[in-house]
Amino acid sequence: MSRARQALSAIDPGRGADEGAGLIRLSWAGTVVFVITAIAAVVAPSVAAEVAAGTALALFGVGCVLFLWAFLLAVERSRTDAIGIGGLYFLAGSAPSRVTRLLMGSFAVEVVVALASASARPFTSLAFGVLVPMWGLGIAGLWGARYGTFEPRAPA
């Protein structure tokens, strides 16, 4: 075991450096696709508006599924762990700071780009972009439900 992993295990037992890396990459991949299509639709709406709207709706739909999946996983874990919404979906105190920065950073980029693109061309299909942050929130919730560290549930 490398020294970095040993140090991480000492600080955060049971958590490897690579846990959930695929979810982080997936979150950023969706965010990048959204940013590219939103910018293209702002610059050339006649060409890219439909693609941007389709991308936004797809990310929203998958994000909703991931959000619910995270909720169901958290319900199962809640039998033994005290899981709060802030720790589950916003990773407050339940994830290493690097993971929180990456996943909440992706979510923040989605929010900023969604609001900026919808503001640049109001009353157009770019308004669908405001739904996209559900993508980042769903993935963060899934990371929290799978890998998050929560306090043990107090006995009844």
N, C-alpha and C. Protein backbone atom coordinates (compact mmCIF):
# COMPACT_ATOMS: atom_id res chain seq x y z
N MET A 1 0.85 -1.18 0.00
CA MET A 1 0.00 0.00 0.00
C MET A 1 0.90 1.24 0.00
N SER A 2 0.60 2.19 -0.87
CA SER A 2 1.42 3.40 -0.96
C SER A 2 1.22 4.25 0.29
N ARG A 3 2.18 5.13 0.51
CA ARG A 3 2.08 6.02 1.68
C ARG A 3 0.87 6.92 1.61
N ALA A 4 0.54 7.39 0.40
CA ALA A 4 -0.62 8.27 0.24
C ALA A 4 -1.90 7.53 0.65
N ARG A 5 -2.02 6.27 0.22
CA ARG A 5 -3.20 5.50 0.59
C ARG A 5 -3.23 5.22 2.08
N GLN A 6 -2.07 4.95 2.67
CA GLN A 6 -2.03 4.71 4.11
C GLN A 6 -2.44 5.97 4.86
N ALA A 7 -1.97 7.12 4.40
CA ALA A 7 -2.34 8.38 5.05
C ALA A 7 -3.84 8.62 4.91
N LEU A 8 -4.39 8.37 3.72
CA LEU A 8 -5.82 8.56 3.51
C LEU A 8 -6.62 7.60 4.38
N SER A 9 -6.17 6.37 4.46
CA SER A 9 -6.88 5.39 5.28
C SER A 9 -6.84 5.77 6.75
N ALA A 10 -5.74 6.37 7.20
CA ALA A 10 -5.63 6.78 8.59
C ALA A 10 -6.59 7.93 8.89
N ILE A 11 -6.71 8.84 7.94
CA ILE A 11 -7.59 10.00 8.13
C ILE A 11 -9.04 9.59 7.91
N ASP A 12 -9.27 8.78 6.91
CA ASP A 12 -10.60 8.44 6.48
C ASP A 12 -10.68 6.92 6.29
N PRO A 13 -10.86 6.15 7.35
CA PRO A 13 -10.83 4.70 7.24
C PRO A 13 -11.87 4.15 6.28
N GLY A 14 -11.49 3.10 5.56
CA GLY A 14 -12.42 2.45 4.67
C GLY A 14 -12.60 3.13 3.34
N ARG A 15 -11.86 4.19 3.09
CA ARG A 15 -12.06 4.93 1.86
C ARG A 15 -10.76 4.97 1.07
N GLY A 16 -10.76 4.42 -0.12
CA GLY A 16 -9.58 4.45 -0.97
C GLY A 16 -9.56 5.71 -1.80
N ALA A 17 -8.41 6.03 -2.33
CA ALA A 17 -8.24 7.26 -3.10
C ALA A 17 -9.04 7.24 -4.39
N ASP A 18 -9.32 6.05 -4.90
CA ASP A 18 -9.99 5.95 -6.19
C ASP A 18 -11.48 5.67 -6.09
N GLU A 19 -12.02 5.60 -4.90
CA GLU A 19 -13.45 5.30 -4.76
C GLU A 19 -14.30 6.35 -5.46
N GLY A 20 -15.18 5.89 -6.28
CA GLY A 20 -16.11 6.79 -6.94
C GLY A 20 -15.51 7.65 -8.02
N ALA A 21 -14.29 7.36 -8.46
CA ALA A 21 -13.63 8.17 -9.50
C ALA A 21 -14.44 8.16 -10.79
N GLY A 22 -15.06 7.04 -11.09
CA GLY A 22 -15.89 6.95 -12.30
C GLY A 22 -17.08 7.89 -12.24
N LEU A 23 -17.67 8.03 -11.07
CA LEU A 23 -18.80 8.96 -10.92
C LEU A 23 -18.34 10.41 -11.10
N ILE A 24 -17.16 10.72 -10.60
CA ILE A 24 -16.62 12.08 -10.75
C ILE A 24 -16.37 12.37 -12.23
N ARG A 25 -15.76 11.42 -12.93
CA ARG A 25 -15.51 11.60 -14.37
C ARG A 25 -16.83 11.73 -15.13
N LEU A 26 -17.81 10.93 -14.77
CA LEU A 26 -19.12 10.99 -15.43
C LEU A 26 -19.79 12.34 -15.21
N SER A 27 -19.69 12.84 -14.00
CA SER A 27 -20.28 14.15 -13.69
C SER A 27 -19.67 15.24 -14.57
N TRP A 28 -18.35 15.25 -14.63
CA TRP A 28 -17.68 16.28 -15.43
C TRP A 28 -17.90 16.08 -16.93
N ALA A 29 -18.01 14.84 -17.38
CA ALA A 29 -18.27 14.59 -18.80
C ALA A 29 -19.62 15.19 -19.19
N GLY A 30 -20.65 14.95 -18.39
CA GLY A 30 -21.95 15.53 -18.67
C GLY A 30 -21.93 17.05 -18.61
N THR A 31 -21.19 17.58 -17.65
CA THR A 31 -21.09 19.03 -17.52
C THR A 31 -20.42 19.64 -18.74
N VAL A 32 -19.34 19.03 -19.21
CA VAL A 32 -18.63 19.54 -20.38
C VAL A 32 -19.52 19.50 -21.62
N VAL A 33 -20.24 18.40 -21.81
CA VAL A 33 -21.15 18.31 -22.95
C VAL A 33 -22.21 19.40 -22.87
N PHE A 34 -22.75 19.62 -21.69
CA PHE A 34 -23.75 20.67 -21.51
C PHE A 34 -23.17 22.04 -21.82
N VAL A 35 -21.99 22.34 -21.30
CA VAL A 35 -21.37 23.65 -21.52
C VAL A 35 -21.15 23.87 -23.02
N ILE A 36 -20.63 22.87 -23.70
CA ILE A 36 -20.36 23.02 -25.14
C ILE A 36 -21.64 23.26 -25.92
N THR A 37 -22.68 22.47 -25.64
CA THR A 37 -23.93 22.64 -26.39
C THR A 37 -24.63 23.95 -26.03
N ALA A 38 -24.54 24.37 -24.77
CA ALA A 38 -25.17 25.64 -24.38
C ALA A 38 -24.47 26.82 -25.04
N ILE A 39 -23.14 26.80 -25.04
CA ILE A 39 -22.40 27.90 -25.70
C ILE A 39 -22.70 27.91 -27.19
N ALA A 40 -22.72 26.73 -27.81
CA ALA A 40 -23.02 26.66 -29.24
C ALA A 40 -24.41 27.21 -29.53
N ALA A 41 -25.37 26.92 -28.67
CA ALA A 41 -26.74 27.41 -28.88
C ALA A 41 -26.86 28.91 -28.66
N VAL A 42 -26.03 29.46 -27.79
CA VAL A 42 -26.04 30.91 -27.59
C VAL A 42 -25.44 31.60 -28.82
N VAL A 43 -24.35 31.03 -29.32
CA VAL A 43 -23.63 31.64 -30.46
C VAL A 43 -24.40 31.42 -31.77
N ALA A 44 -24.88 30.23 -31.99
CA ALA A 44 -25.58 29.90 -33.24
C ALA A 44 -26.88 29.17 -32.94
N PRO A 45 -27.89 29.89 -32.48
CA PRO A 45 -29.13 29.24 -32.06
C PRO A 45 -29.85 28.48 -33.17
N SER A 46 -29.76 28.95 -34.39
CA SER A 46 -30.47 28.26 -35.48
C SER A 46 -29.88 26.88 -35.75
N VAL A 47 -28.61 26.69 -35.41
CA VAL A 47 -27.95 25.42 -35.67
C VAL A 47 -27.99 24.50 -34.45
N ALA A 48 -27.74 25.04 -33.27
CA ALA A 48 -27.50 24.20 -32.09
C ALA A 48 -28.58 24.23 -31.02
N ALA A 49 -29.63 24.99 -31.20
CA ALA A 49 -30.64 25.11 -30.14
C ALA A 49 -31.31 23.77 -29.84
N GLU A 50 -31.65 23.01 -30.85
CA GLU A 50 -32.30 21.72 -30.63
C GLU A 50 -31.37 20.72 -29.96
N VAL A 51 -30.10 20.75 -30.35
CA VAL A 51 -29.12 19.85 -29.73
C VAL A 51 -28.95 20.22 -28.25
N ALA A 52 -28.88 21.51 -27.98
CA ALA A 52 -28.72 21.96 -26.59
C ALA A 52 -29.94 21.58 -25.75
N ALA A 53 -31.12 21.74 -26.30
CA ALA A 53 -32.34 21.38 -25.56
C ALA A 53 -32.39 19.87 -25.33
N GLY A 54 -32.04 19.10 -26.34
CA GLY A 54 -32.02 17.65 -26.19
C GLY A 54 -31.00 17.19 -25.16
N THR A 55 -29.84 17.81 -25.19
CA THR A 55 -28.80 17.49 -24.20
C THR A 55 -29.28 17.82 -22.79
N ALA A 56 -29.88 19.00 -22.64
CA ALA A 56 -30.36 19.43 -21.32
C ALA A 56 -31.43 18.48 -20.81
N LEU A 57 -32.36 18.10 -21.66
CA LEU A 57 -33.43 17.20 -21.23
C LEU A 57 -32.90 15.80 -20.91
N ALA A 58 -31.92 15.33 -21.69
CA ALA A 58 -31.33 14.02 -21.42
C ALA A 58 -30.59 14.02 -20.08
N LEU A 59 -29.79 15.06 -19.84
CA LEU A 59 -29.06 15.15 -18.57
C LEU A 59 -30.03 15.27 -17.40
N PHE A 60 -31.09 16.02 -17.58
CA PHE A 60 -32.10 16.15 -16.53
C PHE A 60 -32.77 14.79 -16.25
N GLY A 61 -33.17 14.09 -17.30
CA GLY A 61 -33.84 12.80 -17.12
C GLY A 61 -32.95 11.78 -16.42
N VAL A 62 -31.71 11.67 -16.87
CA VAL A 62 -30.78 10.73 -16.24
C VAL A 62 -30.47 11.19 -14.82
N GLY A 63 -30.34 12.50 -14.63
CA GLY A 63 -30.09 13.03 -13.29
C GLY A 63 -31.21 12.70 -12.32
N CYS A 64 -32.45 12.74 -12.79
CA CYS A 64 -33.59 12.38 -11.93
C CYS A 64 -33.52 10.91 -11.53
N VAL A 65 -33.17 10.05 -12.48
CA VAL A 65 -33.04 8.62 -12.18
C VAL A 65 -31.93 8.40 -11.15
N LEU A 66 -30.78 9.06 -11.35
CA LEU A 66 -29.67 8.93 -10.41
C LEU A 66 -30.03 9.47 -9.03
N PHE A 67 -30.77 10.57 -9.00
CA PHE A 67 -31.21 11.16 -7.74
C PHE A 67 -32.07 10.17 -6.96
N LEU A 68 -33.01 9.54 -7.64
CA LEU A 68 -33.88 8.56 -6.99
C LEU A 68 -33.12 7.30 -6.59
N TRP A 69 -32.19 6.88 -7.42
CA TRP A 69 -31.35 5.72 -7.10
C TRP A 69 -30.55 6.00 -5.83
N ALA A 70 -29.98 7.20 -5.76
CA ALA A 70 -29.23 7.60 -4.56
C ALA A 70 -30.14 7.58 -3.34
N PHE A 71 -31.34 8.08 -3.49
CA PHE A 71 -32.29 8.10 -2.38
C PHE A 71 -32.60 6.68 -1.90
N LEU A 72 -32.83 5.76 -2.84
CA LEU A 72 -33.13 4.38 -2.45
C LEU A 72 -31.93 3.71 -1.76
N LEU A 73 -30.74 3.96 -2.25
CA LEU A 73 -29.54 3.43 -1.59
C LEU A 73 -29.40 4.01 -0.18
N ALA A 74 -29.69 5.30 -0.06
CA ALA A 74 -29.59 5.96 1.25
C ALA A 74 -30.64 5.42 2.22
N VAL A 75 -31.82 5.14 1.72
CA VAL A 75 -32.87 4.57 2.58
C VAL A 75 -32.38 3.24 3.14
N GLU A 76 -31.77 2.42 2.30
CA GLU A 76 -31.24 1.13 2.76
C GLU A 76 -30.14 1.34 3.80
N ARG A 77 -29.23 2.27 3.55
CA ARG A 77 -28.14 2.54 4.49
C ARG A 77 -28.63 3.17 5.78
N SER A 78 -29.77 3.84 5.73
CA SER A 78 -30.26 4.57 6.91
C SER A 78 -30.65 3.63 8.05
N ARG A 79 -30.70 2.35 7.79
CA ARG A 79 -30.98 1.40 8.87
C ARG A 79 -29.83 1.36 9.87
N THR A 80 -28.62 1.64 9.37
CA THR A 80 -27.44 1.60 10.25
C THR A 80 -26.74 2.95 10.37
N ASP A 81 -26.95 3.84 9.41
CA ASP A 81 -26.26 5.14 9.41
C ASP A 81 -27.27 6.28 9.49
N ALA A 82 -26.86 7.35 10.16
CA ALA A 82 -27.70 8.56 10.24
C ALA A 82 -27.35 9.44 9.04
N ILE A 83 -28.16 9.36 8.00
CA ILE A 83 -27.88 10.07 6.75
C ILE A 83 -28.76 11.30 6.66
N GLY A 84 -28.12 12.43 6.45
CA GLY A 84 -28.84 13.68 6.26
C GLY A 84 -28.80 14.10 4.80
N ILE A 85 -29.74 14.92 4.39
CA ILE A 85 -29.82 15.37 3.00
C ILE A 85 -28.57 16.15 2.60
N GLY A 86 -28.07 17.01 3.48
CA GLY A 86 -26.87 17.78 3.16
C GLY A 86 -25.66 16.90 2.94
N GLY A 87 -25.53 15.86 3.73
CA GLY A 87 -24.42 14.94 3.57
C GLY A 87 -24.59 14.03 2.37
N LEU A 88 -25.84 13.71 2.04
CA LEU A 88 -26.10 12.80 0.93
C LEU A 88 -25.92 13.50 -0.41
N TYR A 89 -26.62 14.58 -0.65
CA TYR A 89 -26.61 15.21 -1.97
C TYR A 89 -25.57 16.33 -2.11
N PHE A 90 -25.21 16.97 -1.02
CA PHE A 90 -24.22 18.05 -1.09
C PHE A 90 -22.90 17.65 -0.48
N LEU A 91 -22.80 16.41 -0.02
CA LEU A 91 -21.58 15.80 0.51
C LEU A 91 -21.00 16.56 1.70
N ALA A 92 -21.84 17.26 2.42
CA ALA A 92 -21.41 18.05 3.58
C ALA A 92 -20.96 17.12 4.71
N GLY A 93 -19.66 17.04 4.92
CA GLY A 93 -19.11 16.24 5.99
C GLY A 93 -19.10 14.74 5.73
N SER A 94 -19.50 14.31 4.55
CA SER A 94 -19.56 12.88 4.29
C SER A 94 -18.56 12.41 3.24
N ALA A 95 -17.83 13.35 2.65
CA ALA A 95 -16.88 13.01 1.59
C ALA A 95 -15.58 13.76 1.82
N PRO A 96 -14.47 13.22 1.29
CA PRO A 96 -13.22 13.97 1.36
C PRO A 96 -13.37 15.31 0.64
N SER A 97 -12.62 16.30 1.06
CA SER A 97 -12.77 17.64 0.48
C SER A 97 -12.51 17.65 -1.02
N ARG A 98 -11.60 16.82 -1.50
CA ARG A 98 -11.31 16.77 -2.93
C ARG A 98 -12.55 16.30 -3.70
N VAL A 99 -13.20 15.27 -3.22
CA VAL A 99 -14.40 14.76 -3.88
C VAL A 99 -15.51 15.81 -3.83
N THR A 100 -15.68 16.44 -2.69
CA THR A 100 -16.69 17.48 -2.56
C THR A 100 -16.43 18.62 -3.53
N ARG A 101 -15.17 19.06 -3.60
CA ARG A 101 -14.81 20.14 -4.53
C ARG A 101 -15.11 19.75 -5.97
N LEU A 102 -14.75 18.54 -6.37
CA LEU A 102 -14.96 18.12 -7.75
C LEU A 102 -16.43 17.98 -8.10
N LEU A 103 -17.20 17.31 -7.25
CA LEU A 103 -18.61 17.09 -7.57
C LEU A 103 -19.44 18.36 -7.40
N MET A 104 -19.19 19.12 -6.37
CA MET A 104 -19.93 20.37 -6.21
C MET A 104 -19.45 21.43 -7.20
N GLY A 105 -18.21 21.31 -7.64
CA GLY A 105 -17.70 22.20 -8.70
C GLY A 105 -18.43 21.95 -10.01
N SER A 106 -18.62 20.68 -10.34
CA SER A 106 -19.37 20.32 -11.54
C SER A 106 -20.80 20.86 -11.45
N PHE A 107 -21.41 20.67 -10.31
CA PHE A 107 -22.77 21.16 -10.07
C PHE A 107 -22.81 22.69 -10.21
N ALA A 108 -21.85 23.38 -9.64
CA ALA A 108 -21.81 24.85 -9.70
C ALA A 108 -21.64 25.34 -11.14
N VAL A 109 -20.80 24.68 -11.91
CA VAL A 109 -20.62 25.06 -13.31
C VAL A 109 -21.94 24.90 -14.05
N GLU A 110 -22.65 23.83 -13.79
CA GLU A 110 -23.94 23.61 -14.44
C GLU A 110 -24.92 24.72 -14.10
N VAL A 111 -24.97 25.11 -12.84
CA VAL A 111 -25.89 26.17 -12.42
C VAL A 111 -25.54 27.48 -13.11
N VAL A 112 -24.26 27.85 -13.10
CA VAL A 112 -23.83 29.12 -13.69
C VAL A 112 -24.09 29.14 -15.20
N VAL A 113 -23.71 28.08 -15.90
CA VAL A 113 -23.91 28.04 -17.35
C VAL A 113 -25.40 28.01 -17.69
N ALA A 114 -26.18 27.29 -16.91
CA ALA A 114 -27.63 27.23 -17.15
C ALA A 114 -28.26 28.61 -17.03
N LEU A 115 -27.92 29.31 -15.96
CA LEU A 115 -28.50 30.65 -15.76
C LEU A 115 -27.98 31.64 -16.80
N ALA A 116 -26.70 31.57 -17.11
CA ALA A 116 -26.12 32.50 -18.08
C ALA A 116 -26.70 32.26 -19.48
N SER A 117 -26.78 31.01 -19.90
CA SER A 117 -27.29 30.74 -21.26
C SER A 117 -28.78 31.04 -21.37
N ALA A 118 -29.54 30.73 -20.34
CA ALA A 118 -30.97 31.05 -20.36
C ALA A 118 -31.19 32.56 -20.33
N SER A 119 -30.32 33.28 -19.65
CA SER A 119 -30.42 34.74 -19.60
C SER A 119 -30.00 35.38 -20.92
N ALA A 120 -29.05 34.76 -21.59
CA ALA A 120 -28.57 35.31 -22.87
C ALA A 120 -29.65 35.22 -23.95
N ARG A 121 -30.43 34.18 -23.92
CA ARG A 121 -31.50 34.00 -24.90
C ARG A 121 -32.78 33.58 -24.18
N PRO A 122 -33.42 34.55 -23.48
CA PRO A 122 -34.63 34.20 -22.72
C PRO A 122 -35.78 33.81 -23.67
N PHE A 123 -36.68 33.01 -23.15
CA PHE A 123 -37.88 32.57 -23.87
C PHE A 123 -37.53 31.73 -25.10
N THR A 124 -36.42 30.98 -25.01
CA THR A 124 -36.04 30.06 -26.08
C THR A 124 -35.84 28.68 -25.45
N SER A 125 -35.43 27.74 -26.28
CA SER A 125 -35.20 26.38 -25.78
C SER A 125 -34.01 26.31 -24.82
N LEU A 126 -33.21 27.36 -24.74
CA LEU A 126 -32.10 27.37 -23.79
C LEU A 126 -32.60 27.38 -22.35
N ALA A 127 -33.85 27.69 -22.15
CA ALA A 127 -34.42 27.66 -20.80
C ALA A 127 -34.40 26.25 -20.22
N PHE A 128 -34.38 25.24 -21.08
CA PHE A 128 -34.30 23.86 -20.59
C PHE A 128 -33.00 23.61 -19.83
N GLY A 129 -31.99 24.42 -20.07
CA GLY A 129 -30.71 24.28 -19.39
C GLY A 129 -30.81 24.41 -17.88
N VAL A 130 -31.81 25.11 -17.39
CA VAL A 130 -31.93 25.26 -15.93
C VAL A 130 -32.27 23.93 -15.25
N LEU A 131 -32.63 22.93 -16.03
CA LEU A 131 -32.92 21.61 -15.47
C LEU A 131 -31.66 20.77 -15.29
N VAL A 132 -30.59 21.14 -15.98
CA VAL A 132 -29.37 20.32 -16.01
C VAL A 132 -28.72 20.11 -14.64
N PRO A 133 -28.73 21.06 -13.71
CA PRO A 133 -28.07 20.80 -12.43
C PRO A 133 -28.58 19.56 -11.69
N MET A 134 -29.71 19.02 -12.09
CA MET A 134 -30.16 17.76 -11.51
C MET A 134 -29.17 16.64 -11.82
N TRP A 135 -28.45 16.76 -12.93
CA TRP A 135 -27.41 15.80 -13.30
C TRP A 135 -26.32 15.76 -12.23
N GLY A 136 -25.76 16.92 -11.94
CA GLY A 136 -24.69 16.99 -10.94
C GLY A 136 -25.16 16.59 -9.56
N LEU A 137 -26.36 16.99 -9.21
CA LEU A 137 -26.91 16.66 -7.89
C LEU A 137 -27.18 15.16 -7.78
N GLY A 138 -27.67 14.56 -8.84
CA GLY A 138 -27.93 13.12 -8.83
C GLY A 138 -26.65 12.31 -8.68
N ILE A 139 -25.61 12.72 -9.39
CA ILE A 139 -24.33 12.00 -9.29
C ILE A 139 -23.70 12.21 -7.92
N ALA A 140 -23.76 13.43 -7.40
CA ALA A 140 -23.22 13.67 -6.05
C ALA A 140 -23.99 12.83 -5.03
N GLY A 141 -25.29 12.74 -5.18
CA GLY A 141 -26.08 11.91 -4.28
C GLY A 141 -25.73 10.45 -4.37
N LEU A 142 -25.49 9.98 -5.59
CA LEU A 142 -25.10 8.59 -5.76
C LEU A 142 -23.74 8.33 -5.12
N TRP A 143 -22.81 9.27 -5.27
CA TRP A 143 -21.51 9.12 -4.61
C TRP A 143 -21.70 9.08 -3.10
N GLY A 144 -22.51 9.99 -2.57
CA GLY A 144 -22.75 10.03 -1.14
C GLY A 144 -23.41 8.76 -0.62
N ALA A 145 -24.37 8.24 -1.37
CA ALA A 145 -25.08 7.04 -0.94
C ALA A 145 -24.17 5.81 -0.98
N ARG A 146 -23.28 5.76 -1.95
CA ARG A 146 -22.39 4.60 -2.07
C ARG A 146 -21.16 4.69 -1.18
N TYR A 147 -20.51 5.85 -1.17
CA TYR A 147 -19.20 5.95 -0.54
C TYR A 147 -19.14 6.92 0.64
N GLY A 148 -20.20 7.67 0.88
CA GLY A 148 -20.19 8.67 1.94
C GLY A 148 -20.03 8.04 3.33
N THR A 149 -19.41 8.80 4.21
CA THR A 149 -19.23 8.36 5.60
C THR A 149 -20.21 9.13 6.49
N PHE A 150 -21.03 8.37 7.21
CA PHE A 150 -22.05 8.99 8.06
C PHE A 150 -21.90 8.41 9.47
N GLU A 151 -22.40 9.16 10.43
CA GLU A 151 -22.39 8.69 11.81
C GLU A 151 -23.29 7.47 11.94
N PRO A 152 -22.96 6.56 12.86
CA PRO A 152 -23.86 5.42 13.09
C PRO A 152 -25.19 5.91 13.66
N ARG A 153 -26.23 5.22 13.30
CA ARG A 153 -27.57 5.57 13.79
C ARG A 153 -27.65 5.25 15.28
N ALA A 154 -28.25 6.16 16.02
CA ALA A 154 -28.41 5.95 17.46
C ALA A 154 -29.45 4.85 17.69
N PRO A 155 -29.22 4.01 18.66
CA PRO A 155 -30.22 2.95 18.95
C PRO A 155 -31.54 3.56 19.38
N ALA A 156 -32.63 2.91 19.02
CA ALA A 156 -33.96 3.43 19.35
C ALA A 156 -34.27 3.31 20.82
